[in-house]
Every structure is written in C-alpha cells, then in structure tokens.
PDB file of N, CA and C in Angstrom:
ATOM      1  N   MET A   1      31.899  48.628 -57.214  1.00  0.00           N
ATOM      2  CA  MET A   1      30.666  47.970 -56.842  1.00  0.00           C
ATOM      3  C   MET A   1      30.535  46.643 -57.598  1.00  0.00           C
ATOM      4  N   GLN A   2      31.022  46.570 -58.836  1.00  0.00           N
ATOM      5  CA  GLN A   2      30.917  45.320 -59.585  1.00  0.00           C
ATOM      6  C   GLN A   2      31.721  44.208 -58.926  1.00  0.00           C
ATOM      7  N   LYS A   3      32.878  44.545 -58.373  1.00  0.00           N
ATOM      8  CA  LYS A   3      33.678  43.531 -57.687  1.00  0.00           C
ATOM      9  C   LYS A   3      32.944  43.033 -56.445  1.00  0.00           C
ATOM     10  N   TYR A   4      32.288  43.945 -55.725  1.00  0.00           N
ATOM     11  CA  TYR A   4      31.551  43.542 -54.524  1.00  0.00           C
ATOM     12  C   TYR A   4      30.406  42.611 -54.892  1.00  0.00           C
ATOM     13  N   TYR A   5      29.631  42.998 -55.898  1.00  0.00           N
ATOM     14  CA  TYR A   5      28.504  42.164 -56.302  1.00  0.00           C
ATOM     15  C   TYR A   5      28.965  40.839 -56.892  1.00  0.00           C
ATOM     16  N   GLY A   6      30.140  40.820 -57.516  1.00  0.00           N
ATOM     17  CA  GLY A   6      30.668  39.571 -58.048  1.00  0.00           C
ATOM     18  C   GLY A   6      30.988  38.561 -56.954  1.00  0.00           C
ATOM     19  N   LYS A   7      31.411  39.059 -55.810  1.00  0.00           N
ATOM     20  CA  LYS A   7      31.755  38.172 -54.699  1.00  0.00           C
ATOM     21  C   LYS A   7      30.573  37.899 -53.773  1.00  0.00           C
ATOM     22  N   HIS A   8      29.542  38.717 -53.838  1.00  0.00           N
ATOM     23  CA  HIS A   8      28.373  38.570 -52.963  1.00  0.00           C
ATOM     24  C   HIS A   8      27.113  38.483 -53.827  1.00  0.00           C
ATOM     25  N   VAL A   9      26.959  37.365 -54.508  1.00  0.00           N
ATOM     26  CA  VAL A   9      25.847  37.235 -55.452  1.00  0.00           C
ATOM     27  C   VAL A   9      24.487  37.185 -54.755  1.00  0.00           C
ATOM     28  N   ASP A  10      24.427  36.699 -53.529  1.00  0.00           N
ATOM     29  CA  ASP A  10      23.149  36.674 -52.808  1.00  0.00           C
ATOM     30  C   ASP A  10      22.671  38.087 -52.503  1.00  0.00           C
ATOM     31  N   PHE A  11      23.584  38.950 -52.075  1.00  0.00           N
ATOM     32  CA  PHE A  11      23.223  40.341 -51.797  1.00  0.00           C
ATOM     33  C   PHE A  11      22.824  41.050 -53.089  1.00  0.00           C
ATOM     34  N   ASN A  12      23.501  40.729 -54.181  1.00  0.00           N
ATOM     35  CA  ASN A  12      23.162  41.287 -55.480  1.00  0.00           C
ATOM     36  C   ASN A  12      21.735  40.909 -55.858  1.00  0.00           C
ATOM     37  N   GLY A  13      21.403  39.639 -55.697  1.00  0.00           N
ATOM     38  CA  GLY A  13      20.054  39.183 -56.025  1.00  0.00           C
ATOM     39  C   GLY A  13      18.991  39.833 -55.161  1.00  0.00           C
ATOM     40  N   LEU A  14      19.269  39.954 -53.872  1.00  0.00           N
ATOM     41  CA  LEU A  14      18.306  40.570 -52.961  1.00  0.00           C
ATOM     42  C   LEU A  14      18.074  42.039 -53.300  1.00  0.00           C
ATOM     43  N   THR A  15      19.151  42.755 -53.583  1.00  0.00           N
ATOM     44  CA  THR A  15      19.031  44.173 -53.915  1.00  0.00           C
ATOM     45  C   THR A  15      18.190  44.371 -55.165  1.00  0.00           C
ATOM     46  N   HIS A  16      18.453  43.591 -56.195  1.00  0.00           N
ATOM     47  CA  HIS A  16      17.697  43.744 -57.433  1.00  0.00           C
ATOM     48  C   HIS A  16      16.276  43.197 -57.314  1.00  0.00           C
ATOM     49  N   LEU A  17      16.068  42.220 -56.465  1.00  0.00           N
ATOM     50  CA  LEU A  17      14.709  41.741 -56.205  1.00  0.00           C
ATOM     51  C   LEU A  17      13.873  42.840 -55.549  1.00  0.00           C
ATOM     52  N   LEU A  18      14.447  43.534 -54.574  1.00  0.00           N
ATOM     53  CA  LEU A  18      13.726  44.621 -53.909  1.00  0.00           C
ATOM     54  C   LEU A  18      13.361  45.719 -54.899  1.00  0.00           C
ATOM     55  N   LEU A  19      14.305  46.081 -55.767  1.00  0.00           N
ATOM     56  CA  LEU A  19      14.008  47.103 -56.772  1.00  0.00           C
ATOM     57  C   LEU A  19      12.921  46.634 -57.738  1.00  0.00           C
ATOM     58  N   GLY A  20      12.978  45.382 -58.142  1.00  0.00           N
ATOM     59  CA  GLY A  20      11.970  44.845 -59.056  1.00  0.00           C
ATOM     60  C   GLY A  20      10.583  44.810 -58.447  1.00  0.00           C
ATOM     61  N   ILE A  21      10.497  44.432 -57.185  1.00  0.00           N
ATOM     62  CA  ILE A  21       9.197  44.430 -56.505  1.00  0.00           C
ATOM     63  C   ILE A  21       8.654  45.851 -56.421  1.00  0.00           C
ATOM     64  N   GLY A  22       9.520  46.802 -56.104  1.00  0.00           N
ATOM     65  CA  GLY A  22       9.084  48.197 -56.009  1.00  0.00           C
ATOM     66  C   GLY A  22       8.569  48.731 -57.332  1.00  0.00           C
ATOM     67  N   VAL A  23       9.285  48.458 -58.413  1.00  0.00           N
ATOM     68  CA  VAL A  23       8.844  48.912 -59.733  1.00  0.00           C
ATOM     69  C   VAL A  23       7.538  48.220 -60.119  1.00  0.00           C
ATOM     70  N   GLY A  24       7.425  46.936 -59.819  1.00  0.00           N
ATOM     71  CA  GLY A  24       6.186  46.212 -60.118  1.00  0.00           C
ATOM     72  C   GLY A  24       4.992  46.787 -59.384  1.00  0.00           C
ATOM     73  N   MET A  25       5.187  47.155 -58.136  1.00  0.00           N
ATOM     74  CA  MET A  25       4.080  47.757 -57.374  1.00  0.00           C
ATOM     75  C   MET A  25       3.683  49.109 -57.949  1.00  0.00           C
ATOM     76  N   LEU A  26       4.663  49.879 -58.392  1.00  0.00           N
ATOM     77  CA  LEU A  26       4.328  51.175 -58.981  1.00  0.00           C
ATOM     78  C   LEU A  26       3.610  51.015 -60.314  1.00  0.00           C
ATOM     79  N   LEU A  27       3.943  49.980 -61.067  1.00  0.00           N
ATOM     80  CA  LEU A  27       3.270  49.749 -62.345  1.00  0.00           C
ATOM     81  C   LEU A  27       1.833  49.285 -62.162  1.00  0.00           C
ATOM     82  N   THR A  28       1.528  48.633 -61.050  1.00  0.00           N
ATOM     83  CA  THR A  28       0.164  48.171 -60.814  1.00  0.00           C
ATOM     84  C   THR A  28      -0.681  49.215 -60.096  1.00  0.00           C
ATOM     85  N   TYR A  29      -0.163  50.406 -59.890  1.00  0.00           N
ATOM     86  CA  TYR A  29      -0.891  51.451 -59.169  1.00  0.00           C
ATOM     87  C   TYR A  29      -2.276  51.722 -59.754  1.00  0.00           C
ATOM     88  N   PRO A  30      -2.438  51.875 -61.078  1.00  0.00           N
ATOM     89  CA  PRO A  30      -3.787  52.164 -61.595  1.00  0.00           C
ATOM     90  C   PRO A  30      -4.788  51.049 -61.303  1.00  0.00           C
ATOM     91  N   VAL A  31      -4.336  49.831 -61.143  1.00  0.00           N
ATOM     92  CA  VAL A  31      -5.231  48.706 -60.899  1.00  0.00           C
ATOM     93  C   VAL A  31      -5.516  48.539 -59.411  1.00  0.00           C
ATOM     94  N   ALA A  32      -4.491  48.696 -58.579  1.00  0.00           N
ATOM     95  CA  ALA A  32      -4.608  48.333 -57.169  1.00  0.00           C
ATOM     96  C   ALA A  32      -4.971  49.488 -56.240  1.00  0.00           C
ATOM     97  N   GLY A  33      -4.834  50.714 -56.653  1.00  0.00           N
ATOM     98  CA  GLY A  33      -5.172  51.837 -55.785  1.00  0.00           C
ATOM     99  C   GLY A  33      -3.948  52.540 -55.230  1.00  0.00           C
ATOM    100  N   ALA A  34      -4.140  53.316 -54.152  1.00  0.00           N
ATOM    101  CA  ALA A  34      -3.078  54.189 -53.645  1.00  0.00           C
ATOM    102  C   ALA A  34      -2.079  53.480 -52.739  1.00  0.00           C
ATOM    103  N   HIS A  35      -2.460  52.400 -52.087  1.00  0.00           N
ATOM    104  CA  HIS A  35      -1.561  51.757 -51.124  1.00  0.00           C
ATOM    105  C   HIS A  35      -0.262  51.216 -51.733  1.00  0.00           C
ATOM    106  N   PRO A  36      -0.254  50.637 -52.940  1.00  0.00           N
ATOM    107  CA  PRO A  36       0.995  50.115 -53.506  1.00  0.00           C
ATOM    108  C   PRO A  36       2.056  51.185 -53.754  1.00  0.00           C
ATOM    109  N   VAL A  37       1.657  52.443 -53.841  1.00  0.00           N
ATOM    110  CA  VAL A  37       2.652  53.493 -54.068  1.00  0.00           C
ATOM    111  C   VAL A  37       3.584  53.595 -52.871  1.00  0.00           C
ATOM    112  N   ARG A  38       3.033  53.599 -51.688  1.00  0.00           N
ATOM    113  CA  ARG A  38       3.880  53.679 -50.488  1.00  0.00           C
ATOM    114  C   ARG A  38       4.781  52.465 -50.370  1.00  0.00           C
ATOM    115  N   MET A  39       4.227  51.292 -50.582  1.00  0.00           N
ATOM    116  CA  MET A  39       5.030  50.072 -50.487  1.00  0.00           C
ATOM    117  C   MET A  39       6.048  49.992 -51.622  1.00  0.00           C
ATOM    118  N   GLY A  40       5.647  50.392 -52.812  1.00  0.00           N
ATOM    119  CA  GLY A  40       6.576  50.380 -53.943  1.00  0.00           C
ATOM    120  C   GLY A  40       7.758  51.298 -53.713  1.00  0.00           C
ATOM    121  N   LEU A  41       7.484  52.491 -53.214  1.00  0.00           N
ATOM    122  CA  LEU A  41       8.579  53.419 -52.918  1.00  0.00           C
ATOM    123  C   LEU A  41       9.459  52.897 -51.791  1.00  0.00           C
ATOM    124  N   ALA A  42       8.871  52.230 -50.816  1.00  0.00           N
ATOM    125  CA  ALA A  42       9.665  51.659 -49.724  1.00  0.00           C
ATOM    126  C   ALA A  42      10.611  50.582 -50.253  1.00  0.00           C
ATOM    127  N   PHE A  43      10.135  49.721 -51.156  1.00  0.00           N
ATOM    128  CA  PHE A  43      11.000  48.692 -51.730  1.00  0.00           C
ATOM    129  C   PHE A  43      12.092  49.307 -52.600  1.00  0.00           C
ATOM    130  N   ILE A  44      11.752  50.333 -53.368  1.00  0.00           N
ATOM    131  CA  ILE A  44      12.755  50.991 -54.202  1.00  0.00           C
ATOM    132  C   ILE A  44      13.814  51.654 -53.336  1.00  0.00           C
ATOM    133  N   ILE A  45      13.405  52.317 -52.274  1.00  0.00           N
ATOM    134  CA  ILE A  45      14.371  52.954 -51.373  1.00  0.00           C
ATOM    135  C   ILE A  45      15.263  51.904 -50.721  1.00  0.00           C
ATOM    136  N   ALA A  46      14.688  50.771 -50.321  1.00  0.00           N
ATOM    137  CA  ALA A  46      15.501  49.698 -49.729  1.00  0.00           C
ATOM    138  C   ALA A  46      16.518  49.170 -50.740  1.00  0.00           C
ATOM    139  N   GLY A  47      16.107  49.013 -51.979  1.00  0.00           N
ATOM    140  CA  GLY A  47      17.033  48.554 -53.017  1.00  0.00           C
ATOM    141  C   GLY A  47      18.134  49.555 -53.299  1.00  0.00           C
ATOM    142  N   LEU A  48      17.781  50.833 -53.331  1.00  0.00           N
ATOM    143  CA  LEU A  48      18.793  51.866 -53.554  1.00  0.00           C
ATOM    144  C   LEU A  48      19.749  51.972 -52.380  1.00  0.00           C
ATOM    145  N   CYS A  49      19.248  51.769 -51.171  1.00  0.00           N
ATOM    146  CA  CYS A  49      20.140  51.746 -49.999  1.00  0.00           C
ATOM    147  C   CYS A  49      21.113  50.574 -50.095  1.00  0.00           C
ATOM    148  N   GLY A  50      20.656  49.454 -50.610  1.00  0.00           N
ATOM    149  CA  GLY A  50      21.550  48.314 -50.819  1.00  0.00           C
ATOM    150  C   GLY A  50      22.638  48.629 -51.825  1.00  0.00           C
ATOM    151  N   HIS A  51      22.283  49.355 -52.891  1.00  0.00           N
ATOM    152  CA  HIS A  51      23.288  49.769 -53.865  1.00  0.00           C
ATOM    153  C   HIS A  51      24.277  50.743 -53.241  1.00  0.00           C
ATOM    154  N   ALA A  52      23.788  51.683 -52.467  1.00  0.00           N
ATOM    155  CA  ALA A  52      24.680  52.650 -51.817  1.00  0.00           C
ATOM    156  C   ALA A  52      25.607  51.951 -50.825  1.00  0.00           C
ATOM    157  N   TRP A  53      25.085  50.991 -50.088  1.00  0.00           N
ATOM    158  CA  TRP A  53      25.890  50.266 -49.112  1.00  0.00           C
ATOM    159  C   TRP A  53      26.988  49.467 -49.811  1.00  0.00           C
ATOM    160  N   ALA A  54      26.638  48.818 -50.917  1.00  0.00           N
ATOM    161  CA  ALA A  54      27.634  48.033 -51.655  1.00  0.00           C
ATOM    162  C   ALA A  54      28.689  48.939 -52.283  1.00  0.00           C
ATOM    163  N   GLY A  55      28.309  50.144 -52.651  1.00  0.00           N
ATOM    164  CA  GLY A  55      29.265  51.072 -53.244  1.00  0.00           C
ATOM    165  C   GLY A  55      30.286  51.605 -52.262  1.00  0.00           C
ATOM    166  N   THR A  56      29.989  51.537 -50.979  1.00  0.00           N
ATOM    167  CA  THR A  56      30.919  52.069 -49.986  1.00  0.00           C
ATOM    168  C   THR A  56      31.848  51.009 -49.419  1.00  0.00           C
ATOM    169  N   HIS A  57      31.641  49.737 -49.764  1.00  0.00           N
ATOM    170  CA  HIS A  57      32.460  48.657 -49.213  1.00  0.00           C
ATOM    171  C   HIS A  57      33.432  48.123 -50.254  1.00  0.00           C
ATOM    172  N   LYS A  58      34.605  47.824 -49.807  1.00  0.00           N
ATOM    173  CA  LYS A  58      35.599  47.219 -50.690  1.00  0.00           C
ATOM    174  C   LYS A  58      35.439  45.704 -50.639  1.00  0.00           C
ATOM    175  N   PRO A  59      35.680  45.030 -51.765  1.00  0.00           N
ATOM    176  CA  PRO A  59      35.508  43.567 -51.791  1.00  0.00           C
ATOM    177  C   PRO A  59      36.518  42.834 -50.926  1.00  0.00           C
TER     178      PRO A  59
END
C-alpha cells in the first residue's frame, strides 16, 4: 500500500482528508447534536474504503 500511495499522492491526500473530516465530525458531536455522527461515520467509512481499495491494487 505504501508503494501505491507513493505513486498516487492525490488519492492518498483524499483518503486521509475523508478520514480527518469524519473524525472531526465525531469530535464535535457534543456541540453539534446527533446529525454529525451519521455524516462522520460516512466519511470514515469512505476513507477506510479508500484504504482497502489501495491495498488491493499493485503500483
């Protein structure tokens, strides 16, 4: 996976951006209410799917 991310830095950035947004939404849950939990989990799942996809491809 490191070789794939080394050659595809844009995909690497997007995957980690999605995970960061998801974690940020979950951290703001006490302030913002119940809706950010669903969106936060959706962003985290999208980021994890990006990691899984990159792990199955050869560079």
